């Protein structure tokens, strides 16, 4: 998953060291997953339901939802991404800052999950039934981690396995939003994902770590550089084809 620019010029799958804070978060999520399997009522009690949060006084739900998951595949993917990208970030930031940021993004996303449906209902864009739909998962916190990673090391190359595509880390969040929009199905909480990104960006901006990578001028520069690299690769390909044709004429 990691590519060029990750502690050297070679390719590497995953971090070489997993910080204790990342291990502890993974264990906490796994333990909660076992708990909810044994006691299914935990999901009803801890998932975010907008009506229960703001009308029923279940104010803990924007915190508890991020430790619950909808299935084995759900928790496996979230924990894999936490391990893959959160390990390097935790090493760079330290455990306390990383843990505070993880909670901030998760809880912030939970508050937006509980609030946005009311705005949509008020605008007539959806029905009131959405106020009772439950949401679980650590994706808000995970997307915050992905954003911080992409802003901290924007020029690292990320190589996906499926599909086999390589791109710079700065484009990680847009790429994931596109994939979840088209292939995520109907049970994906886009508000939760976007909420984690928004909260994470506000945090990074307050720390002065977002402007360098997300300013309009910076994005224009990256786009121009991307186009120049594509043109260079096209020229190199044409030169290789020309040399190949010359060899073919020489031998045939």
C-alpha atoms as a PDB file:
ATOM      1  CA  UNK A   1       0.000   0.000   0.000  1.00  0.00           C
ATOM      2  CA  UNK A   2       2.843   2.378   0.714  1.00  0.00           C
ATOM      3  CA  UNK A   3       5.071   3.180  -2.234  1.00  0.00           C
ATOM      4  CA  UNK A   4       7.929   5.462  -3.177  1.00  0.00           C
ATOM      5  CA  UNK A   5       8.771   7.996  -0.528  1.00  0.00           C
ATOM      6  CA  UNK A   6       8.065   5.714   2.414  1.00  0.00           C
ATOM      7  CA  UNK A   7      11.294   5.620   4.423  1.00  0.00           C
ATOM      8  CA  UNK A   8      13.366   5.120   1.327  1.00  0.00           C
ATOM      9  CA  UNK A   9      12.994   4.695  -2.384  1.00  0.00           C
ATOM     10  CA  UNK A  10      11.668   1.145  -2.410  1.00  0.00           C
ATOM     11  CA  UNK A  11       8.207  -0.352  -2.016  1.00  0.00           C
ATOM     12  CA  UNK A  12       6.845  -1.435   1.349  1.00  0.00           C
ATOM     13  CA  UNK A  13       3.591  -2.997   2.437  1.00  0.00           C
ATOM     14  CA  UNK A  14       2.466  -1.504   5.723  1.00  0.00           C
ATOM     15  CA  UNK A  15       4.437   0.106   8.533  1.00  0.00           C
ATOM     16  CA  UNK A  16       7.592  -1.501   9.882  1.00  0.00           C
ATOM     17  CA  UNK A  17       6.494  -0.779  13.473  1.00  0.00           C
ATOM     18  CA  UNK A  18       3.052  -0.536  15.073  1.00  0.00           C
ATOM     19  CA  UNK A  19       2.926   2.004  17.947  1.00  0.00           C
ATOM     20  CA  UNK A  20       1.255   0.886  21.192  1.00  0.00           C
ATOM     21  CA  UNK A  21      -1.532   3.492  20.848  1.00  0.00           C
ATOM     22  CA  UNK A  22      -2.568   1.992  17.502  1.00  0.00           C
ATOM     23  CA  UNK A  23      -2.491  -1.513  18.975  1.00  0.00           C
ATOM     24  CA  UNK A  24      -4.623  -0.344  21.914  1.00  0.00           C
ATOM     25  CA  UNK A  25      -7.206   1.252  19.605  1.00  0.00           C
ATOM     26  CA  UNK A  26      -7.386  -1.917  17.522  1.00  0.00           C
ATOM     27  CA  UNK A  27      -7.798  -4.069  20.648  1.00  0.00           C
ATOM     28  CA  UNK A  28     -10.513  -1.743  22.016  1.00  0.00           C
ATOM     29  CA  UNK A  29     -12.449  -1.945  18.752  1.00  0.00           C
ATOM     30  CA  UNK A  30     -12.047  -5.727  18.582  1.00  0.00           C
ATOM     31  CA  UNK A  31     -13.168  -6.166  22.200  1.00  0.00           C
ATOM     32  CA  UNK A  32     -16.236  -4.006  21.577  1.00  0.00           C
ATOM     33  CA  UNK A  33     -17.022  -6.023  18.461  1.00  0.00           C
ATOM     34  CA  UNK A  34     -17.001  -9.219  20.524  1.00  0.00           C
ATOM     35  CA  UNK A  35     -19.147  -7.517  23.173  1.00  0.00           C
ATOM     36  CA  UNK A  36     -21.768  -6.454  20.655  1.00  0.00           C
ATOM     37  CA  UNK A  37     -21.848  -9.988  19.248  1.00  0.00           C
ATOM     38  CA  UNK A  38     -22.553 -11.380  22.717  1.00  0.00           C
ATOM     39  CA  UNK A  39     -24.949  -8.596  23.706  1.00  0.00           C
ATOM     40  CA  UNK A  40     -26.735  -7.278  20.573  1.00  0.00           C
ATOM     41  CA  UNK A  41     -28.467  -4.613  22.657  1.00  0.00           C
ATOM     42  CA  UNK A  42     -25.172  -2.746  22.822  1.00  0.00           C
ATOM     43  CA  UNK A  43     -25.648  -1.702  19.195  1.00  0.00           C
ATOM     44  CA  UNK A  44     -29.109  -0.270  19.871  1.00  0.00           C
ATOM     45  CA  UNK A  45     -27.767   1.556  22.895  1.00  0.00           C
ATOM     46  CA  UNK A  46     -24.570   2.920  21.346  1.00  0.00           C
ATOM     47  CA  UNK A  47     -25.254   3.621  17.658  1.00  0.00           C
ATOM     48  CA  UNK A  48     -26.000   7.179  16.548  1.00  0.00           C
ATOM     49  CA  UNK A  49     -29.691   7.825  15.945  1.00  0.00           C
ATOM     50  CA  UNK A  50     -30.353  11.548  15.385  1.00  0.00           C
ATOM     51  CA  UNK A  51     -33.787  11.447  17.032  1.00  0.00           C
ATOM     52  CA  UNK A  52     -32.425   9.730  20.138  1.00  0.00           C
ATOM     53  CA  UNK A  53     -29.442  12.066  20.412  1.00  0.00           C
ATOM     54  CA  UNK A  54     -31.320  15.372  20.203  1.00  0.00           C
ATOM     55  CA  UNK A  55     -34.827  14.363  21.301  1.00  0.00           C
ATOM     56  CA  UNK A  56     -34.145  11.455  23.613  1.00  0.00           C
ATOM     57  CA  UNK A  57     -31.071  12.818  25.374  1.00  0.00           C
ATOM     58  CA  UNK A  58     -28.779   9.964  24.278  1.00  0.00           C
ATOM     59  CA  UNK A  59     -25.840  12.364  24.134  1.00  0.00           C
ATOM     60  CA  UNK A  60     -23.238   9.609  24.506  1.00  0.00           C
ATOM     61  CA  UNK A  61     -24.034   8.113  21.099  1.00  0.00           C
ATOM     62  CA  UNK A  62     -21.703  10.422  19.051  1.00  0.00           C
ATOM     63  CA  UNK A  63     -18.913   8.863  21.118  1.00  0.00           C
ATOM     64  CA  UNK A  64     -20.012   5.238  21.502  1.00  0.00           C
ATOM     65  CA  UNK A  65     -20.952   4.685  17.832  1.00  0.00           C
ATOM     66  CA  UNK A  66     -17.309   4.861  16.745  1.00  0.00           C
ATOM     67  CA  UNK A  67     -16.428   1.704  18.704  1.00  0.00           C
ATOM     68  CA  UNK A  68     -19.223  -0.381  17.131  1.00  0.00           C
ATOM     69  CA  UNK A  69     -19.229  -1.977  13.680  1.00  0.00           C
ATOM     70  CA  UNK A  70     -21.735  -3.492  11.310  1.00  0.00           C
ATOM     71  CA  UNK A  71     -19.901  -6.718  10.583  1.00  0.00           C
ATOM     72  CA  UNK A  72     -16.566  -8.489  10.352  1.00  0.00           C
ATOM     73  CA  UNK A  73     -15.688  -6.924   7.008  1.00  0.00           C
ATOM     74  CA  UNK A  74     -16.528  -3.466   8.334  1.00  0.00           C
ATOM     75  CA  UNK A  75     -14.247  -3.642  11.353  1.00  0.00           C
ATOM     76  CA  UNK A  76     -11.509  -5.476   9.430  1.00  0.00           C
ATOM     77  CA  UNK A  77     -11.285  -2.723   6.806  1.00  0.00           C
ATOM     78  CA  UNK A  78     -11.314   0.094   9.374  1.00  0.00           C
ATOM     79  CA  UNK A  79      -8.650  -1.549  11.531  1.00  0.00           C
ATOM     80  CA  UNK A  80      -6.517  -2.348   8.499  1.00  0.00           C
ATOM     81  CA  UNK A  81      -6.533   1.308   7.430  1.00  0.00           C
ATOM     82  CA  UNK A  82      -5.868   2.433  11.010  1.00  0.00           C
ATOM     83  CA  UNK A  83      -2.846   0.136  11.159  1.00  0.00           C
ATOM     84  CA  UNK A  84      -1.646   0.999   7.655  1.00  0.00           C
ATOM     85  CA  UNK A  85      -1.789   4.795   7.895  1.00  0.00           C
ATOM     86  CA  UNK A  86      -2.281   5.544  11.580  1.00  0.00           C
ATOM     87  CA  UNK A  87       0.947   3.843  12.659  1.00  0.00           C
ATOM     88  CA  UNK A  88       3.189   6.260  10.803  1.00  0.00           C
ATOM     89  CA  UNK A  89       1.126   9.243  11.952  1.00  0.00           C
ATOM     90  CA  UNK A  90       1.224   8.118  15.595  1.00  0.00           C
ATOM     91  CA  UNK A  91       5.007   7.732  15.394  1.00  0.00           C
ATOM     92  CA  UNK A  92       5.346  11.260  14.026  1.00  0.00           C
ATOM     93  CA  UNK A  93       2.847  12.912  16.395  1.00  0.00           C
ATOM     94  CA  UNK A  94       3.216  10.907  19.562  1.00  0.00           C
ATOM     95  CA  UNK A  95       0.482   8.831  21.259  1.00  0.00           C
ATOM     96  CA  UNK A  96      -1.318  11.631  23.119  1.00  0.00           C
ATOM     97  CA  UNK A  97      -1.766  13.940  20.155  1.00  0.00           C
ATOM     98  CA  UNK A  98      -2.728  11.052  17.889  1.00  0.00           C
ATOM     99  CA  UNK A  99      -5.334   9.732  20.359  1.00  0.00           C
ATOM    100  CA  UNK A 100      -6.857  13.186  20.891  1.00  0.00           C
ATOM    101  CA  UNK A 101      -7.062  13.705  17.148  1.00  0.00           C
ATOM    102  CA  UNK A 102      -8.615  10.267  16.593  1.00  0.00           C
ATOM    103  CA  UNK A 103     -11.310  10.974  19.186  1.00  0.00           C
ATOM    104  CA  UNK A 104     -11.897  14.496  17.889  1.00  0.00           C
ATOM    105  CA  UNK A 105     -12.521  13.308  14.342  1.00  0.00           C
ATOM    106  CA  UNK A 106     -14.705  10.399  15.466  1.00  0.00           C
ATOM    107  CA  UNK A 107     -16.866  12.401  17.875  1.00  0.00           C
ATOM    108  CA  UNK A 108     -17.035  15.372  15.493  1.00  0.00           C
ATOM    109  CA  UNK A 109     -18.255  13.096  12.718  1.00  0.00           C
ATOM    110  CA  UNK A 110     -20.795  11.580  15.145  1.00  0.00           C
ATOM    111  CA  UNK A 111     -22.215  15.011  15.968  1.00  0.00           C
ATOM    112  CA  UNK A 112     -22.583  15.776  12.266  1.00  0.00           C
ATOM    113  CA  UNK A 113     -24.250  12.395  11.679  1.00  0.00           C
ATOM    114  CA  UNK A 114     -26.756  13.313  14.391  1.00  0.00           C
ATOM    115  CA  UNK A 115     -27.316  16.860  13.104  1.00  0.00           C
ATOM    116  CA  UNK A 116     -27.232  16.853   9.296  1.00  0.00           C
ATOM    117  CA  UNK A 117     -30.412  14.727   8.899  1.00  0.00           C
ATOM    118  CA  UNK A 118     -32.378  17.417  10.775  1.00  0.00           C
ATOM    119  CA  UNK A 119     -31.110  20.029   8.313  1.00  0.00           C
ATOM    120  CA  UNK A 120     -32.030  17.833   5.346  1.00  0.00           C
ATOM    121  CA  UNK A 121     -35.501  17.171   6.749  1.00  0.00           C
ATOM    122  CA  UNK A 122     -35.990  20.884   7.391  1.00  0.00           C
ATOM    123  CA  UNK A 123     -35.036  21.653   3.786  1.00  0.00           C
ATOM    124  CA  UNK A 124     -37.433  18.990   2.507  1.00  0.00           C
ATOM    125  CA  UNK A 125     -34.612  16.976   0.942  1.00  0.00           C
ATOM    126  CA  UNK A 126     -35.411  13.762   2.821  1.00  0.00           C
ATOM    127  CA  UNK A 127     -38.098  12.237   4.997  1.00  0.00           C
ATOM    128  CA  UNK A 128     -38.253  12.241   8.779  1.00  0.00           C
ATOM    129  CA  UNK A 129     -37.604   8.481   8.801  1.00  0.00           C
ATOM    130  CA  UNK A 130     -33.882   9.274   8.438  1.00  0.00           C
ATOM    131  CA  UNK A 131     -33.889  10.609  12.003  1.00  0.00           C
ATOM    132  CA  UNK A 132     -34.192   7.052  13.276  1.00  0.00           C
ATOM    133  CA  UNK A 133     -31.552   5.385  11.092  1.00  0.00           C
ATOM    134  CA  UNK A 134     -28.627   4.061  13.192  1.00  0.00           C
ATOM    135  CA  UNK A 135     -24.991   4.627  12.252  1.00  0.00           C
ATOM    136  CA  UNK A 136     -21.991   2.721  13.595  1.00  0.00           C
ATOM    137  CA  UNK A 137     -18.303   2.516  12.763  1.00  0.00           C
ATOM    138  CA  UNK A 138     -14.954   4.198  13.229  1.00  0.00           C
ATOM    139  CA  UNK A 139     -14.899   5.538   9.663  1.00  0.00           C
ATOM    140  CA  UNK A 140     -15.177   9.184  10.730  1.00  0.00           C
ATOM    141  CA  UNK A 141     -12.032   8.854  12.850  1.00  0.00           C
ATOM    142  CA  UNK A 142     -10.334   6.756  10.146  1.00  0.00           C
ATOM    143  CA  UNK A 143     -11.008   9.347   7.449  1.00  0.00           C
ATOM    144  CA  UNK A 144      -9.565  11.984   9.765  1.00  0.00           C
ATOM    145  CA  UNK A 145      -6.414   9.869  10.079  1.00  0.00           C
ATOM    146  CA  UNK A 146      -6.228   9.477   6.302  1.00  0.00           C
ATOM    147  CA  UNK A 147      -6.549  13.226   5.836  1.00  0.00           C
ATOM    148  CA  UNK A 148      -3.776  13.950   8.352  1.00  0.00           C
ATOM    149  CA  UNK A 149      -1.539  11.386   6.658  1.00  0.00           C
ATOM    150  CA  UNK A 150      -2.145  12.869   3.203  1.00  0.00           C
ATOM    151  CA  UNK A 151      -1.404  16.398   4.452  1.00  0.00           C
ATOM    152  CA  UNK A 152       1.688  15.363   6.415  1.00  0.00           C
ATOM    153  CA  UNK A 153       3.257  13.374   3.559  1.00  0.00           C
ATOM    154  CA  UNK A 154       1.466  14.625   0.428  1.00  0.00           C
ATOM    155  CA  UNK A 155       4.124  13.416  -2.023  1.00  0.00           C
ATOM    156  CA  UNK A 156       4.293   9.802  -0.914  1.00  0.00           C
ATOM    157  CA  UNK A 157       3.096   7.342  -3.500  1.00  0.00           C
ATOM    158  CA  UNK A 158       0.164   5.125  -2.552  1.00  0.00           C
ATOM    159  CA  UNK A 159      -0.297   1.866  -4.442  1.00  0.00           C
ATOM    160  CA  UNK A 160      -3.724   0.285  -4.156  1.00  0.00           C
ATOM    161  CA  UNK A 161      -4.130  -3.436  -4.601  1.00  0.00           C
ATOM    162  CA  UNK A 162      -7.709  -3.312  -5.922  1.00  0.00           C
ATOM    163  CA  UNK A 163      -7.758  -1.540  -8.270  1.00  0.00           C
ATOM    164  CA  UNK A 164      -3.980  -1.570  -8.956  1.00  0.00           C
ATOM    165  CA  UNK A 165      -3.589   2.203  -9.146  1.00  0.00           C
ATOM    166  CA  UNK A 166      -0.732   4.405  -7.894  1.00  0.00           C
ATOM    167  CA  UNK A 167      -1.169   8.053  -6.922  1.00  0.00           C
ATOM    168  CA  UNK A 168       0.195  10.692  -4.570  1.00  0.00           C
ATOM    169  CA  UNK A 169      -1.060  10.668  -0.991  1.00  0.00           C
ATOM    170  CA  UNK A 170      -2.591  14.140  -1.376  1.00  0.00           C
ATOM    171  CA  UNK A 171      -5.229  12.574  -3.660  1.00  0.00           C
ATOM    172  CA  UNK A 172      -6.069   9.785  -1.205  1.00  0.00           C
ATOM    173  CA  UNK A 173      -9.237  11.345   0.226  1.00  0.00           C
ATOM    174  CA  UNK A 174     -10.740  12.339  -3.167  1.00  0.00           C
ATOM    175  CA  UNK A 175      -9.983   8.851  -4.507  1.00  0.00           C
ATOM    176  CA  UNK A 176     -11.709   7.175  -1.554  1.00  0.00           C
ATOM    177  CA  UNK A 177     -14.767   9.415  -1.846  1.00  0.00           C
ATOM    178  CA  UNK A 178     -15.107   8.514  -5.522  1.00  0.00           C
ATOM    179  CA  UNK A 179     -14.755   4.787  -4.810  1.00  0.00           C
ATOM    180  CA  UNK A 180     -17.263   4.794  -1.931  1.00  0.00           C
ATOM    181  CA  UNK A 181     -19.698   6.908  -3.947  1.00  0.00           C
ATOM    182  CA  UNK A 182     -19.749   4.456  -6.851  1.00  0.00           C
ATOM    183  CA  UNK A 183     -18.947   1.144  -5.156  1.00  0.00           C
ATOM    184  CA  UNK A 184     -19.815   1.648  -1.481  1.00  0.00           C
ATOM    185  CA  UNK A 185     -23.456   0.598  -1.679  1.00  0.00           C
ATOM    186  CA  UNK A 186     -26.398   2.138   0.133  1.00  0.00           C
ATOM    187  CA  UNK A 187     -25.243   1.567   3.715  1.00  0.00           C
ATOM    188  CA  UNK A 188     -22.261   3.939   3.603  1.00  0.00           C
ATOM    189  CA  UNK A 189     -22.471   7.030   5.813  1.00  0.00           C
ATOM    190  CA  UNK A 190     -21.050   9.691   3.513  1.00  0.00           C
ATOM    191  CA  UNK A 191     -21.878  12.290   6.158  1.00  0.00           C
ATOM    192  CA  UNK A 192     -19.703  10.382   8.642  1.00  0.00           C
ATOM    193  CA  UNK A 193     -16.796  10.157   6.208  1.00  0.00           C
ATOM    194  CA  UNK A 194     -17.071  13.805   5.229  1.00  0.00           C
ATOM    195  CA  UNK A 195     -17.503  14.771   8.879  1.00  0.00           C
ATOM    196  CA  UNK A 196     -14.213  13.144   9.841  1.00  0.00           C
ATOM    197  CA  UNK A 197     -12.470  14.933   6.979  1.00  0.00           C
ATOM    198  CA  UNK A 198     -13.974  18.327   7.838  1.00  0.00           C
ATOM    199  CA  UNK A 199     -13.113  18.063  11.534  1.00  0.00           C
ATOM    200  CA  UNK A 200      -9.622  16.809  10.707  1.00  0.00           C
ATOM    201  CA  UNK A 201      -9.054  19.622   8.228  1.00  0.00           C
ATOM    202  CA  UNK A 202     -10.163  22.251  10.765  1.00  0.00           C
ATOM    203  CA  UNK A 203      -7.731  20.771  13.279  1.00  0.00           C
ATOM    204  CA  UNK A 204      -4.877  20.681  10.776  1.00  0.00           C
ATOM    205  CA  UNK A 205      -5.677  24.208   9.616  1.00  0.00           C
ATOM    206  CA  UNK A 206      -5.627  25.472  13.197  1.00  0.00           C
ATOM    207  CA  UNK A 207      -2.214  23.861  13.613  1.00  0.00           C
ATOM    208  CA  UNK A 208      -1.032  25.507  10.395  1.00  0.00           C
ATOM    209  CA  UNK A 209      -0.567  22.144   8.668  1.00  0.00           C
ATOM    210  CA  UNK A 210      -3.342  22.305   6.072  1.00  0.00           C
ATOM    211  CA  UNK A 211      -2.623  25.448   4.067  1.00  0.00           C
ATOM    212  CA  UNK A 212       0.590  24.127   2.547  1.00  0.00           C
ATOM    213  CA  UNK A 213      -1.147  21.245   0.757  1.00  0.00           C
ATOM    214  CA  UNK A 214      -4.730  22.434   0.277  1.00  0.00           C
ATOM    215  CA  UNK A 215      -4.325  26.028  -0.876  1.00  0.00           C
ATOM    216  CA  UNK A 216      -5.676  26.804  -4.342  1.00  0.00           C
ATOM    217  CA  UNK A 217      -2.220  27.770  -5.564  1.00  0.00           C
ATOM    218  CA  UNK A 218      -0.766  24.506  -4.267  1.00  0.00           C
ATOM    219  CA  UNK A 219      -3.448  22.418  -5.955  1.00  0.00           C
ATOM    220  CA  UNK A 220      -2.920  24.281  -9.235  1.00  0.00           C
ATOM    221  CA  UNK A 221       0.810  23.621  -8.964  1.00  0.00           C
ATOM    222  CA  UNK A 222       0.237  19.916  -8.345  1.00  0.00           C
ATOM    223  CA  UNK A 223      -2.149  19.719 -11.285  1.00  0.00           C
ATOM    224  CA  UNK A 224       0.372  21.399 -13.628  1.00  0.00           C
ATOM    225  CA  UNK A 225       3.113  19.081 -12.390  1.00  0.00           C
ATOM    226  CA  UNK A 226       0.853  16.058 -12.936  1.00  0.00           C
ATOM    227  CA  UNK A 227       0.188  17.129 -16.534  1.00  0.00           C
ATOM    228  CA  UNK A 228       3.893  17.719 -17.156  1.00  0.00           C
ATOM    229  CA  UNK A 229       4.710  14.246 -15.856  1.00  0.00           C
ATOM    230  CA  UNK A 230       2.069  12.692 -18.105  1.00  0.00           C
ATOM    231  CA  UNK A 231       3.523  14.494 -21.105  1.00  0.00           C
ATOM    232  CA  UNK A 232       7.028  13.379 -20.126  1.00  0.00           C
ATOM    233  CA  UNK A 233       5.902   9.757 -19.822  1.00  0.00           C
ATOM    234  CA  UNK A 234       4.195  10.035 -23.227  1.00  0.00           C
ATOM    235  CA  UNK A 235       7.398  11.371 -24.805  1.00  0.00           C
ATOM    236  CA  UNK A 236       9.467   8.622 -23.169  1.00  0.00           C
ATOM    237  CA  UNK A 237       7.012   6.016 -24.432  1.00  0.00           C
ATOM    238  CA  UNK A 238       7.231   7.399 -27.975  1.00  0.00           C
ATOM    239  CA  UNK A 239      11.027   7.335 -27.830  1.00  0.00           C
ATOM    240  CA  UNK A 240      10.982   3.706 -26.643  1.00  0.00           C
ATOM    241  CA  UNK A 241       8.574   2.779 -29.441  1.00  0.00           C
ATOM    242  CA  UNK A 242      10.784   4.539 -31.985  1.00  0.00           C
ATOM    243  CA  UNK A 243      13.858   2.629 -30.796  1.00  0.00           C
ATOM    244  CA  UNK A 244      11.916  -0.625 -30.913  1.00  0.00           C
ATOM    245  CA  UNK A 245      10.783   0.052 -34.499  1.00  0.00           C
ATOM    246  CA  UNK A 246      14.363   0.844 -35.489  1.00  0.00           C
ATOM    247  CA  UNK A 247      15.536  -2.478 -34.030  1.00  0.00           C
ATOM    248  CA  UNK A 248      12.751  -4.321 -35.821  1.00  0.00           C
ATOM    249  CA  UNK A 249      13.739  -2.799 -39.159  1.00  0.00           C
ATOM    250  CA  UNK A 250      17.385  -3.680 -38.526  1.00  0.00           C
ATOM    251  CA  UNK A 251      16.681  -7.352 -37.836  1.00  0.00           C
ATOM    252  CA  UNK A 252      13.869  -7.878 -40.298  1.00  0.00           C
END
